[in-house]
Protein backbone atom coordinates (compact mmCIF):
# COMPACT_ATOMS: atom_id res chain seq x y z
CA UNK A 1 0.00 0.00 0.00
CA UNK A 2 1.45 3.38 -0.94
CA UNK A 3 2.44 5.75 1.84
CA UNK A 4 0.54 8.58 0.16
CA UNK A 5 -2.60 8.05 -1.86
CA UNK A 6 -3.91 9.90 -4.88
CA UNK A 7 -6.74 11.24 -2.72
CA UNK A 8 -4.25 12.67 -0.22
CA UNK A 9 -2.41 14.41 -3.06
CA UNK A 10 -5.72 15.80 -4.29
CA UNK A 11 -6.49 17.02 -0.76
CA UNK A 12 -3.09 18.69 -0.45
CA UNK A 13 -3.56 20.28 -3.87
CA UNK A 14 -6.95 21.60 -2.77
CA UNK A 15 -5.48 23.06 0.43
CA UNK A 16 -2.72 24.67 -1.64
CA UNK A 17 -5.30 25.98 -4.09
CA UNK A 18 -3.70 24.11 -6.98
CA UNK A 19 -5.83 22.87 -9.84
CA UNK A 20 -4.28 19.54 -10.86
CA UNK A 21 -5.36 17.25 -13.66
CA UNK A 22 -5.85 13.53 -13.13
CA UNK A 23 -2.52 12.86 -14.85
CA UNK A 24 -0.76 15.32 -12.55
CA UNK A 25 -2.34 13.73 -9.48
CA UNK A 26 -1.07 10.32 -10.56
CA UNK A 27 2.39 11.69 -11.36
CA UNK A 28 2.71 13.63 -8.10
CA UNK A 29 1.49 10.72 -5.99
CA UNK A 30 4.22 8.52 -7.54
CA UNK A 31 6.86 11.23 -7.02
CA UNK A 32 5.83 11.80 -3.42
CA UNK A 33 5.90 8.04 -2.84
CA UNK A 34 9.53 7.93 -4.03
CA UNK A 35 10.42 10.93 -1.87
CA UNK A 36 8.90 9.25 1.20
CA UNK A 37 10.84 6.05 0.43
CA UNK A 38 14.10 8.03 0.34
CA UNK A 39 13.23 9.80 3.60
CA UNK A 40 12.56 6.43 5.20
CA UNK A 41 15.93 5.14 3.94
CA UNK A 42 17.73 8.13 5.43
CA UNK A 43 15.83 7.67 8.69
CA UNK A 44 17.07 4.05 8.90
CA UNK A 45 20.73 5.12 9.00
CA UNK A 46 22.38 4.12 12.27
CA UNK A 47 23.04 7.38 14.07
CA UNK A 48 23.07 6.20 17.67
CA UNK A 49 26.79 6.89 18.05
CA UNK A 50 26.73 10.21 16.15
CA UNK A 51 26.36 13.25 18.40
CA UNK A 52 23.86 15.93 17.48
CA UNK A 53 25.53 18.95 15.94
CA UNK A 54 24.64 22.13 14.13
CA UNK A 55 27.62 21.96 11.74
CA UNK A 56 29.44 19.03 10.11
CA UNK A 57 32.81 20.27 11.36
CA UNK A 58 33.72 21.59 14.80
CA UNK A 59 33.62 25.35 15.12
CA UNK A 60 36.18 27.01 17.31
CA UNK A 61 35.95 30.69 18.08
CA UNK A 62 39.42 32.17 18.19
CA UNK A 63 39.55 34.95 20.75
CA UNK A 64 42.37 37.13 21.91
CA UNK A 65 42.96 38.05 25.51
CA UNK A 66 41.35 41.27 26.64
CA UNK A 67 44.02 43.88 27.13
CA UNK A 68 43.09 47.06 28.90
CA UNK A 69 44.38 50.20 27.15
CA UNK A 70 43.96 53.86 27.87
CA UNK A 71 41.07 55.42 25.93
CA UNK A 72 40.80 58.91 24.52
CA UNK A 73 40.20 61.84 26.81
CA UNK A 74 37.19 64.02 25.98
CA UNK A 75 39.54 66.68 24.61
CA UNK A 76 41.28 64.15 22.34
CA UNK A 77 37.95 62.77 21.10
CA UNK A 78 36.62 66.24 20.27
CA UNK A 79 39.91 67.48 18.80
CA UNK A 80 38.88 66.95 15.14
CA UNK A 81 35.12 67.49 15.58
CA UNK A 82 33.68 70.27 13.39
CA UNK A 83 31.54 71.54 16.29
CA UNK A 84 31.52 70.75 19.97
CA UNK A 85 29.82 72.08 23.05
CA UNK A 86 31.36 71.29 26.39
CA UNK A 87 32.39 67.63 26.37
CA UNK A 88 29.92 66.67 23.59
CA UNK A 89 29.73 66.67 19.82
CA UNK A 90 27.42 69.37 18.51
CA UNK A 91 25.18 68.20 15.64
CA UNK A 92 22.40 69.91 13.69
CA UNK A 93 18.94 69.88 15.28
CA UNK A 94 16.57 67.22 13.93
CA UNK A 95 12.83 66.69 14.11
CA UNK A 96 12.25 70.15 15.55
CA UNK A 97 13.45 69.16 19.00
CA UNK A 98 14.46 71.83 21.49
PDB file of N, CA and C in Angstrom:
ATOM      1  N   UNK A   1       0.846  -1.181   0.000  1.00  0.00           N
ATOM      2  CA  UNK A   1       0.000   0.000   0.000  1.00  0.00           C
ATOM      3  C   UNK A   1       0.892   1.244   0.000  1.00  0.00           C
ATOM      4  N   UNK A   2       0.608   2.183  -0.870  1.00  0.00           N
ATOM      5  CA  UNK A   2       1.447   3.384  -0.944  1.00  0.00           C
ATOM      6  C   UNK A   2       1.336   4.218   0.326  1.00  0.00           C
ATOM      7  N   UNK A   3       2.418   4.920   0.637  1.00  0.00           N
ATOM      8  CA  UNK A   3       2.441   5.753   1.837  1.00  0.00           C
ATOM      9  C   UNK A   3       1.580   6.990   1.662  1.00  0.00           C
ATOM     10  N   UNK A   4       1.390   7.419   0.430  1.00  0.00           N
ATOM     11  CA  UNK A   4       0.541   8.583   0.164  1.00  0.00           C
ATOM     12  C   UNK A   4      -0.365   8.239  -1.023  1.00  0.00           C
ATOM     13  N   UNK A   5      -1.635   8.430  -0.823  1.00  0.00           N
ATOM     14  CA  UNK A   5      -2.596   8.048  -1.863  1.00  0.00           C
ATOM     15  C   UNK A   5      -2.881   9.219  -2.800  1.00  0.00           C
ATOM     16  N   UNK A   6      -3.514   8.884  -3.897  1.00  0.00           N
ATOM     17  CA  UNK A   6      -3.906   9.900  -4.883  1.00  0.00           C
ATOM     18  C   UNK A   6      -4.892  10.888  -4.264  1.00  0.00           C
ATOM     19  N   UNK A   7      -5.760  10.383  -3.384  1.00  0.00           N
ATOM     20  CA  UNK A   7      -6.739  11.237  -2.721  1.00  0.00           C
ATOM     21  C   UNK A   7      -6.052  12.226  -1.767  1.00  0.00           C
ATOM     22  N   UNK A   8      -4.995  11.766  -1.103  1.00  0.00           N
ATOM     23  CA  UNK A   8      -4.247  12.668  -0.224  1.00  0.00           C
ATOM     24  C   UNK A   8      -3.545  13.767  -1.021  1.00  0.00           C
ATOM     25  N   UNK A   9      -3.031  13.397  -2.201  1.00  0.00           N
ATOM     26  CA  UNK A   9      -2.408  14.407  -3.062  1.00  0.00           C
ATOM     27  C   UNK A   9      -3.462  15.404  -3.523  1.00  0.00           C
ATOM     28  N   UNK A  10      -4.639  14.905  -3.866  1.00  0.00           N
ATOM     29  CA  UNK A  10      -5.720  15.800  -4.287  1.00  0.00           C
ATOM     30  C   UNK A  10      -6.129  16.723  -3.143  1.00  0.00           C
ATOM     31  N   UNK A  11      -6.155  16.197  -1.930  1.00  0.00           N
ATOM     32  CA  UNK A  11      -6.492  17.015  -0.759  1.00  0.00           C
ATOM     33  C   UNK A  11      -5.436  18.095  -0.531  1.00  0.00           C
ATOM     34  N   UNK A  12      -4.167  17.715  -0.606  1.00  0.00           N
ATOM     35  CA  UNK A  12      -3.086  18.689  -0.447  1.00  0.00           C
ATOM     36  C   UNK A  12      -3.136  19.749  -1.540  1.00  0.00           C
ATOM     37  N   UNK A  13      -3.446  19.327  -2.765  1.00  0.00           N
ATOM     38  CA  UNK A  13      -3.558  20.282  -3.868  1.00  0.00           C
ATOM     39  C   UNK A  13      -4.711  21.248  -3.609  1.00  0.00           C
ATOM     40  N   UNK A  14      -5.803  20.736  -3.083  1.00  0.00           N
ATOM     41  CA  UNK A  14      -6.952  21.601  -2.768  1.00  0.00           C
ATOM     42  C   UNK A  14      -6.586  22.615  -1.685  1.00  0.00           C
ATOM     43  N   UNK A  15      -5.900  22.152  -0.637  1.00  0.00           N
ATOM     44  CA  UNK A  15      -5.479  23.060   0.427  1.00  0.00           C
ATOM     45  C   UNK A  15      -4.517  24.119  -0.086  1.00  0.00           C
ATOM     46  N   UNK A  16      -3.696  23.738  -1.071  1.00  0.00           N
ATOM     47  CA  UNK A  16      -2.717  24.669  -1.645  1.00  0.00           C
ATOM     48  C   UNK A  16      -3.320  25.498  -2.763  1.00  0.00           C
ATOM     49  N   UNK A  17      -4.590  25.274  -3.025  1.00  0.00           N
ATOM     50  CA  UNK A  17      -5.301  25.980  -4.092  1.00  0.00           C
ATOM     51  C   UNK A  17      -4.651  25.770  -5.456  1.00  0.00           C
ATOM     52  N   UNK A  18      -4.276  24.504  -5.700  1.00  0.00           N
ATOM     53  CA  UNK A  18      -3.703  24.106  -6.983  1.00  0.00           C
ATOM     54  C   UNK A  18      -4.730  23.287  -7.740  1.00  0.00           C
ATOM     55  N   UNK A  19      -4.931  23.637  -8.979  1.00  0.00           N
ATOM     56  CA  UNK A  19      -5.827  22.870  -9.838  1.00  0.00           C
ATOM     57  C   UNK A  19      -4.983  21.860 -10.603  1.00  0.00           C
ATOM     58  N   UNK A  20      -5.073  20.580 -10.216  1.00  0.00           N
ATOM     59  CA  UNK A  20      -4.276  19.536 -10.857  1.00  0.00           C
ATOM     60  C   UNK A  20      -5.161  18.623 -11.685  1.00  0.00           C
ATOM     61  N   UNK A  21      -4.645  18.210 -12.818  1.00  0.00           N
ATOM     62  CA  UNK A  21      -5.360  17.255 -13.663  1.00  0.00           C
ATOM     63  C   UNK A  21      -5.194  15.862 -13.074  1.00  0.00           C
ATOM     64  N   UNK A  22      -5.967  14.904 -13.608  1.00  0.00           N
ATOM     65  CA  UNK A  22      -5.855  13.528 -13.127  1.00  0.00           C
ATOM     66  C   UNK A  22      -4.455  12.972 -13.385  1.00  0.00           C
ATOM     67  N   UNK A  23      -3.873  13.330 -14.527  1.00  0.00           N
ATOM     68  CA  UNK A  23      -2.518  12.863 -14.845  1.00  0.00           C
ATOM     69  C   UNK A  23      -1.500  13.436 -13.854  1.00  0.00           C
ATOM     70  N   UNK A  24      -1.668  14.699 -13.503  1.00  0.00           N
ATOM     71  CA  UNK A  24      -0.755  15.324 -12.553  1.00  0.00           C
ATOM     72  C   UNK A  24      -0.898  14.700 -11.164  1.00  0.00           C
ATOM     73  N   UNK A  25      -2.132  14.384 -10.779  1.00  0.00           N
ATOM     74  CA  UNK A  25      -2.340  13.733  -9.484  1.00  0.00           C
ATOM     75  C   UNK A  25      -1.632  12.390  -9.433  1.00  0.00           C
ATOM     76  N   UNK A  26      -1.744  11.615 -10.509  1.00  0.00           N
ATOM     77  CA  UNK A  26      -1.067  10.318 -10.560  1.00  0.00           C
ATOM     78  C   UNK A  26       0.454  10.494 -10.514  1.00  0.00           C
ATOM     79  N   UNK A  27       0.951  11.451 -11.301  1.00  0.00           N
ATOM     80  CA  UNK A  27       2.393  11.691 -11.362  1.00  0.00           C
ATOM     81  C   UNK A  27       2.936  12.156 -10.008  1.00  0.00           C
ATOM     82  N   UNK A  28       2.245  13.102  -9.381  1.00  0.00           N
ATOM     83  CA  UNK A  28       2.715  13.626  -8.103  1.00  0.00           C
ATOM     84  C   UNK A  28       2.608  12.597  -6.988  1.00  0.00           C
ATOM     85  N   UNK A  29       1.592  11.749  -7.027  1.00  0.00           N
ATOM     86  CA  UNK A  29       1.492  10.719  -5.989  1.00  0.00           C
ATOM     87  C   UNK A  29       2.655   9.734  -6.115  1.00  0.00           C
ATOM     88  N   UNK A  30       3.066   9.404  -7.342  1.00  0.00           N
ATOM     89  CA  UNK A  30       4.221   8.525  -7.544  1.00  0.00           C
ATOM     90  C   UNK A  30       5.511   9.206  -7.084  1.00  0.00           C
ATOM     91  N   UNK A  31       5.658  10.496  -7.421  1.00  0.00           N
ATOM     92  CA  UNK A  31       6.857  11.228  -7.023  1.00  0.00           C
ATOM     93  C   UNK A  31       6.945  11.360  -5.505  1.00  0.00           C
ATOM     94  N   UNK A  32       5.830  11.671  -4.880  1.00  0.00           N
ATOM     95  CA  UNK A  32       5.830  11.797  -3.423  1.00  0.00           C
ATOM     96  C   UNK A  32       6.099  10.449  -2.757  1.00  0.00           C
ATOM     97  N   UNK A  33       5.616   9.377  -3.359  1.00  0.00           N
ATOM     98  CA  UNK A  33       5.897   8.038  -2.844  1.00  0.00           C
ATOM     99  C   UNK A  33       7.403   7.772  -2.848  1.00  0.00           C
ATOM    100  N   UNK A  34       8.070   8.127  -3.946  1.00  0.00           N
ATOM    101  CA  UNK A  34       9.526   7.925  -4.035  1.00  0.00           C
ATOM    102  C   UNK A  34      10.256   8.807  -3.012  1.00  0.00           C
ATOM    103  N   UNK A  35       9.798  10.031  -2.847  1.00  0.00           N
ATOM    104  CA  UNK A  35      10.416  10.931  -1.865  1.00  0.00           C
ATOM    105  C   UNK A  35      10.291  10.341  -0.464  1.00  0.00           C
ATOM    106  N   UNK A  36       9.104   9.836  -0.131  1.00  0.00           N
ATOM    107  CA  UNK A  36       8.904   9.253   1.201  1.00  0.00           C
ATOM    108  C   UNK A  36       9.751   8.000   1.395  1.00  0.00           C
ATOM    109  N   UNK A  37       9.968   7.220   0.341  1.00  0.00           N
ATOM    110  CA  UNK A  37      10.843   6.047   0.434  1.00  0.00           C
ATOM    111  C   UNK A  37      12.273   6.478   0.742  1.00  0.00           C
ATOM    112  N   UNK A  38      12.746   7.544   0.088  1.00  0.00           N
ATOM    113  CA  UNK A  38      14.101   8.033   0.338  1.00  0.00           C
ATOM    114  C   UNK A  38      14.232   8.595   1.754  1.00  0.00           C
ATOM    115  N   UNK A  39      13.209   9.283   2.224  1.00  0.00           N
ATOM    116  CA  UNK A  39      13.232   9.800   3.598  1.00  0.00           C
ATOM    117  C   UNK A  39      13.286   8.644   4.585  1.00  0.00           C
ATOM    118  N   UNK A  40      12.541   7.598   4.323  1.00  0.00           N
ATOM    119  CA  UNK A  40      12.558   6.429   5.204  1.00  0.00           C
ATOM    120  C   UNK A  40      13.938   5.780   5.186  1.00  0.00           C
ATOM    121  N   UNK A  41      14.591   5.732   4.020  1.00  0.00           N
ATOM    122  CA  UNK A  41      15.928   5.139   3.939  1.00  0.00           C
ATOM    123  C   UNK A  41      16.929   5.961   4.741  1.00  0.00           C
ATOM    124  N   UNK A  42      16.827   7.268   4.659  1.00  0.00           N
ATOM    125  CA  UNK A  42      17.725   8.129   5.428  1.00  0.00           C
ATOM    126  C   UNK A  42      17.448   7.981   6.920  1.00  0.00           C
ATOM    127  N   UNK A  43      16.191   7.818   7.285  1.00  0.00           N
ATOM    128  CA  UNK A  43      15.834   7.667   8.693  1.00  0.00           C
ATOM    129  C   UNK A  43      16.357   6.361   9.273  1.00  0.00           C
ATOM    130  N   UNK A  44      16.590   5.354   8.420  1.00  0.00           N
ATOM    131  CA  UNK A  44      17.070   4.055   8.900  1.00  0.00           C
ATOM    132  C   UNK A  44      18.576   4.029   9.148  1.00  0.00           C
ATOM    133  N   UNK A  45      19.281   5.085   8.801  1.00  0.00           N
ATOM    134  CA  UNK A  45      20.728   5.124   8.997  1.00  0.00           C
ATOM    135  C   UNK A  45      21.027   5.066  10.491  1.00  0.00           C
ATOM    136  N   UNK A  46      22.008   4.266  10.849  1.00  0.00           N
ATOM    137  CA  UNK A  46      22.377   4.119  12.267  1.00  0.00           C
ATOM    138  C   UNK A  46      23.102   5.378  12.725  1.00  0.00           C
ATOM    139  N   UNK A  47      22.452   6.129  13.585  1.00  0.00           N
ATOM    140  CA  UNK A  47      23.044   7.376  14.074  1.00  0.00           C
ATOM    141  C   UNK A  47      23.133   7.406  15.592  1.00  0.00           C
ATOM    142  N   UNK A  48      23.042   6.243  16.207  1.00  0.00           N
ATOM    143  CA  UNK A  48      23.069   6.201  17.669  1.00  0.00           C
ATOM    144  C   UNK A  48      24.383   6.723  18.236  1.00  0.00           C
ATOM    145  N   UNK A  49      25.493   6.474  17.529  1.00  0.00           N
ATOM    146  CA  UNK A  49      26.795   6.894  18.052  1.00  0.00           C
ATOM    147  C   UNK A  49      27.253   8.237  17.480  1.00  0.00           C
ATOM    148  N   UNK A  50      26.384   8.910  16.736  1.00  0.00           N
ATOM    149  CA  UNK A  50      26.731  10.210  16.148  1.00  0.00           C
ATOM    150  C   UNK A  50      26.103  11.305  17.003  1.00  0.00           C
ATOM    151  N   UNK A  51      26.928  12.185  17.554  1.00  0.00           N
ATOM    152  CA  UNK A  51      26.364  13.247  18.402  1.00  0.00           C
ATOM    153  C   UNK A  51      25.616  14.278  17.568  1.00  0.00           C
ATOM    154  N   UNK A  52      24.604  14.876  18.158  1.00  0.00           N
ATOM    155  CA  UNK A  52      23.861  15.927  17.480  1.00  0.00           C
ATOM    156  C   UNK A  52      24.761  17.145  17.335  1.00  0.00           C
ATOM    157  N   UNK A  53      24.681  17.788  16.168  1.00  0.00           N
ATOM    158  CA  UNK A  53      25.525  18.954  15.938  1.00  0.00           C
ATOM    159  C   UNK A  53      24.827  19.905  14.978  1.00  0.00           C
ATOM    160  N   UNK A  54      25.222  21.148  15.035  1.00  0.00           N
ATOM    161  CA  UNK A  54      24.638  22.130  14.131  1.00  0.00           C
ATOM    162  C   UNK A  54      25.467  22.302  12.871  1.00  0.00           C
ATOM    163  N   UNK A  55      26.730  21.838  12.896  1.00  0.00           N
ATOM    164  CA  UNK A  55      27.618  21.957  11.743  1.00  0.00           C
ATOM    165  C   UNK A  55      28.370  20.644  11.561  1.00  0.00           C
ATOM    166  N   UNK A  56      28.737  20.300  10.329  1.00  0.00           N
ATOM    167  CA  UNK A  56      29.436  19.031  10.111  1.00  0.00           C
ATOM    168  C   UNK A  56      30.873  19.031  10.625  1.00  0.00           C
ATOM    169  N   UNK A  57      31.452  20.189  10.825  1.00  0.00           N
ATOM    170  CA  UNK A  57      32.805  20.267  11.359  1.00  0.00           C
ATOM    171  C   UNK A  57      32.786  21.091  12.642  1.00  0.00           C
ATOM    172  N   UNK A  58      33.695  20.812  13.551  1.00  0.00           N
ATOM    173  CA  UNK A  58      33.717  21.589  14.798  1.00  0.00           C
ATOM    174  C   UNK A  58      34.026  23.059  14.521  1.00  0.00           C
ATOM    175  N   UNK A  59      33.384  23.914  15.254  1.00  0.00           N
ATOM    176  CA  UNK A  59      33.616  25.346  15.118  1.00  0.00           C
ATOM    177  C   UNK A  59      34.309  25.829  16.380  1.00  0.00           C
ATOM    178  N   UNK A  60      35.426  26.487  16.182  1.00  0.00           N
ATOM    179  CA  UNK A  60      36.182  27.014  17.311  1.00  0.00           C
ATOM    180  C   UNK A  60      36.280  28.515  17.130  1.00  0.00           C
ATOM    181  N   UNK A  61      35.877  29.240  18.124  1.00  0.00           N
ATOM    182  CA  UNK A  61      35.947  30.689  18.076  1.00  0.00           C
ATOM    183  C   UNK A  61      37.300  31.117  18.628  1.00  0.00           C
ATOM    184  N   UNK A  62      38.103  31.725  17.770  1.00  0.00           N
ATOM    185  CA  UNK A  62      39.422  32.170  18.190  1.00  0.00           C
ATOM    186  C   UNK A  62      39.276  33.554  18.810  1.00  0.00           C
ATOM    187  N   UNK A  63      39.679  33.674  20.046  1.00  0.00           N
ATOM    188  CA  UNK A  63      39.554  34.945  20.751  1.00  0.00           C
ATOM    189  C   UNK A  63      40.910  35.345  21.296  1.00  0.00           C
ATOM    190  N   UNK A  64      41.137  36.629  21.309  1.00  0.00           N
ATOM    191  CA  UNK A  64      42.370  37.132  21.906  1.00  0.00           C
ATOM    192  C   UNK A  64      42.080  37.525  23.345  1.00  0.00           C
ATOM    193  N   UNK A  65      43.118  37.622  24.124  1.00  0.00           N
ATOM    194  CA  UNK A  65      42.964  38.055  25.509  1.00  0.00           C
ATOM    195  C   UNK A  65      42.575  39.525  25.532  1.00  0.00           C
ATOM    196  N   UNK A  66      41.707  39.871  26.461  1.00  0.00           N
ATOM    197  CA  UNK A  66      41.348  41.275  26.645  1.00  0.00           C
ATOM    198  C   UNK A  66      42.533  42.005  27.270  1.00  0.00           C
ATOM    199  N   UNK A  67      42.928  43.070  26.619  1.00  0.00           N
ATOM    200  CA  UNK A  67      44.024  43.884  27.131  1.00  0.00           C
ATOM    201  C   UNK A  67      43.470  45.274  27.357  1.00  0.00           C
ATOM    202  N   UNK A  68      43.616  45.740  28.555  1.00  0.00           N
ATOM    203  CA  UNK A  68      43.091  47.055  28.898  1.00  0.00           C
ATOM    204  C   UNK A  68      44.073  48.125  28.414  1.00  0.00           C
ATOM    205  N   UNK A  69      43.553  49.093  27.638  1.00  0.00           N
ATOM    206  CA  UNK A  69      44.380  50.196  27.152  1.00  0.00           C
ATOM    207  C   UNK A  69      43.702  51.502  27.513  1.00  0.00           C
ATOM    208  N   UNK A  70      44.491  52.541  27.538  1.00  0.00           N
ATOM    209  CA  UNK A  70      43.964  53.856  27.867  1.00  0.00           C
ATOM    210  C   UNK A  70      43.139  54.370  26.692  1.00  0.00           C
ATOM    211  N   UNK A  71      41.934  54.858  26.963  1.00  0.00           N
ATOM    212  CA  UNK A  71      41.072  55.422  25.925  1.00  0.00           C
ATOM    213  C   UNK A  71      41.375  56.887  25.708  1.00  0.00           C
ATOM    214  N   UNK A  72      40.626  57.490  24.808  1.00  0.00           N
ATOM    215  CA  UNK A  72      40.795  58.911  24.519  1.00  0.00           C
ATOM    216  C   UNK A  72      40.190  59.757  25.644  1.00  0.00           C
ATOM    217  N   UNK A  73      40.800  60.869  25.891  1.00  0.00           N
ATOM    218  CA  UNK A  73      40.204  61.839  26.809  1.00  0.00           C
ATOM    219  C   UNK A  73      39.128  62.590  26.032  1.00  0.00           C
ATOM    220  N   UNK A  74      38.201  63.242  26.703  1.00  0.00           N
ATOM    221  CA  UNK A  74      37.194  64.015  25.976  1.00  0.00           C
ATOM    222  C   UNK A  74      37.822  65.052  25.040  1.00  0.00           C
ATOM    223  N   UNK A  75      38.887  65.682  25.455  1.00  0.00           N
ATOM    224  CA  UNK A  75      39.542  66.680  24.606  1.00  0.00           C
ATOM    225  C   UNK A  75      40.131  66.035  23.359  1.00  0.00           C
ATOM    226  N   UNK A  76      40.719  64.845  23.502  1.00  0.00           N
ATOM    227  CA  UNK A  76      41.280  64.149  22.337  1.00  0.00           C
ATOM    228  C   UNK A  76      40.173  63.685  21.391  1.00  0.00           C
ATOM    229  N   UNK A  77      39.055  63.234  21.931  1.00  0.00           N
ATOM    230  CA  UNK A  77      37.946  62.765  21.102  1.00  0.00           C
ATOM    231  C   UNK A  77      37.330  63.913  20.317  1.00  0.00           C
ATOM    232  N   UNK A  78      37.257  65.086  20.914  1.00  0.00           N
ATOM    233  CA  UNK A  78      36.625  66.245  20.267  1.00  0.00           C
ATOM    234  C   UNK A  78      37.612  67.084  19.467  1.00  0.00           C
ATOM    235  N   UNK A  79      38.870  66.692  19.441  1.00  0.00           N
ATOM    236  CA  UNK A  79      39.911  67.479  18.796  1.00  0.00           C
ATOM    237  C   UNK A  79      39.618  67.761  17.317  1.00  0.00           C
ATOM    238  N   UNK A  80      39.126  66.795  16.572  1.00  0.00           N
ATOM    239  CA  UNK A  80      38.884  66.955  15.143  1.00  0.00           C
ATOM    240  C   UNK A  80      37.403  67.171  14.810  1.00  0.00           C
ATOM    241  N   UNK A  81      36.558  67.308  15.813  1.00  0.00           N
ATOM    242  CA  UNK A  81      35.122  67.488  15.578  1.00  0.00           C
ATOM    243  C   UNK A  81      34.870  68.868  14.972  1.00  0.00           C
ATOM    244  N   UNK A  82      33.977  68.965  13.979  1.00  0.00           N
ATOM    245  CA  UNK A  82      33.682  70.270  13.387  1.00  0.00           C
ATOM    246  C   UNK A  82      33.058  71.224  14.404  1.00  0.00           C
ATOM    247  N   UNK A  83      32.180  70.722  15.259  1.00  0.00           N
ATOM    248  CA  UNK A  83      31.543  71.544  16.291  1.00  0.00           C
ATOM    249  C   UNK A  83      31.447  70.735  17.571  1.00  0.00           C
ATOM    250  N   UNK A  84      31.678  71.404  18.677  1.00  0.00           N
ATOM    251  CA  UNK A  84      31.518  70.747  19.965  1.00  0.00           C
ATOM    252  C   UNK A  84      30.997  71.761  20.955  1.00  0.00           C
ATOM    253  N   UNK A  85      30.354  71.238  21.993  1.00  0.00           N
ATOM    254  CA  UNK A  85      29.816  72.082  23.053  1.00  0.00           C
ATOM    255  C   UNK A  85      30.115  71.380  24.366  1.00  0.00           C
ATOM    256  N   UNK A  86      30.953  71.949  25.149  1.00  0.00           N
ATOM    257  CA  UNK A  86      31.364  71.294  26.391  1.00  0.00           C
ATOM    258  C   UNK A  86      32.145  70.037  26.056  1.00  0.00           C
ATOM    259  N   UNK A  87      31.740  68.910  26.636  1.00  0.00           N
ATOM    260  CA  UNK A  87      32.392  67.626  26.370  1.00  0.00           C
ATOM    261  C   UNK A  87      31.575  66.771  25.398  1.00  0.00           C
ATOM    262  N   UNK A  88      30.791  67.410  24.515  1.00  0.00           N
ATOM    263  CA  UNK A  88      29.925  66.668  23.594  1.00  0.00           C
ATOM    264  C   UNK A  88      30.100  67.156  22.167  1.00  0.00           C
ATOM    265  N   UNK A  89      29.786  66.270  21.214  1.00  0.00           N
ATOM    266  CA  UNK A  89      29.730  66.668  19.817  1.00  0.00           C
ATOM    267  C   UNK A  89      28.484  67.505  19.615  1.00  0.00           C
ATOM    268  N   UNK A  90      28.585  68.547  18.816  1.00  0.00           N
ATOM    269  CA  UNK A  90      27.417  69.366  18.506  1.00  0.00           C
ATOM    270  C   UNK A  90      26.988  69.021  17.085  1.00  0.00           C
ATOM    271  N   UNK A  91      25.720  68.615  16.945  1.00  0.00           N
ATOM    272  CA  UNK A  91      25.180  68.205  15.643  1.00  0.00           C
ATOM    273  C   UNK A  91      23.970  69.058  15.330  1.00  0.00           C
ATOM    274  N   UNK A  92      23.577  69.117  14.041  1.00  0.00           N
ATOM    275  CA  UNK A  92      22.396  69.914  13.687  1.00  0.00           C
ATOM    276  C   UNK A  92      21.135  69.361  14.356  1.00  0.00           C
ATOM    277  N   UNK A  93      20.214  70.234  14.650  1.00  0.00           N
ATOM    278  CA  UNK A  93      18.944  69.876  15.283  1.00  0.00           C
ATOM    279  C   UNK A  93      18.115  69.069  14.285  1.00  0.00           C
ATOM    280  N   UNK A  94      17.436  68.022  14.779  1.00  0.00           N
ATOM    281  CA  UNK A  94      16.573  67.216  13.926  1.00  0.00           C
ATOM    282  C   UNK A  94      15.186  67.141  14.533  1.00  0.00           C
ATOM    283  N   UNK A  95      14.211  66.913  13.696  1.00  0.00           N
ATOM    284  CA  UNK A  95      12.826  66.692  14.108  1.00  0.00           C
ATOM    285  C   UNK A  95      12.261  67.822  14.970  1.00  0.00           C
ATOM    286  N   UNK A  96      12.789  69.017  14.847  1.00  0.00           N
ATOM    287  CA  UNK A  96      12.247  70.155  15.547  1.00  0.00           C
ATOM    288  C   UNK A  96      12.361  70.070  17.051  1.00  0.00           C
ATOM    289  N   UNK A  97      13.305  69.301  17.555  1.00  0.00           N
ATOM    290  CA  UNK A  97      13.455  69.163  19.003  1.00  0.00           C
ATOM    291  C   UNK A  97      14.134  70.399  19.572  1.00  0.00           C
ATOM    292  N   UNK A  98      13.855  70.668  20.819  1.00  0.00           N
ATOM    293  CA  UNK A  98      14.460  71.825  21.495  1.00  0.00           C
ATOM    294  C   UNK A  98      15.726  71.408  22.186  1.00  0.00           C
TER     295      UNK A  98
END
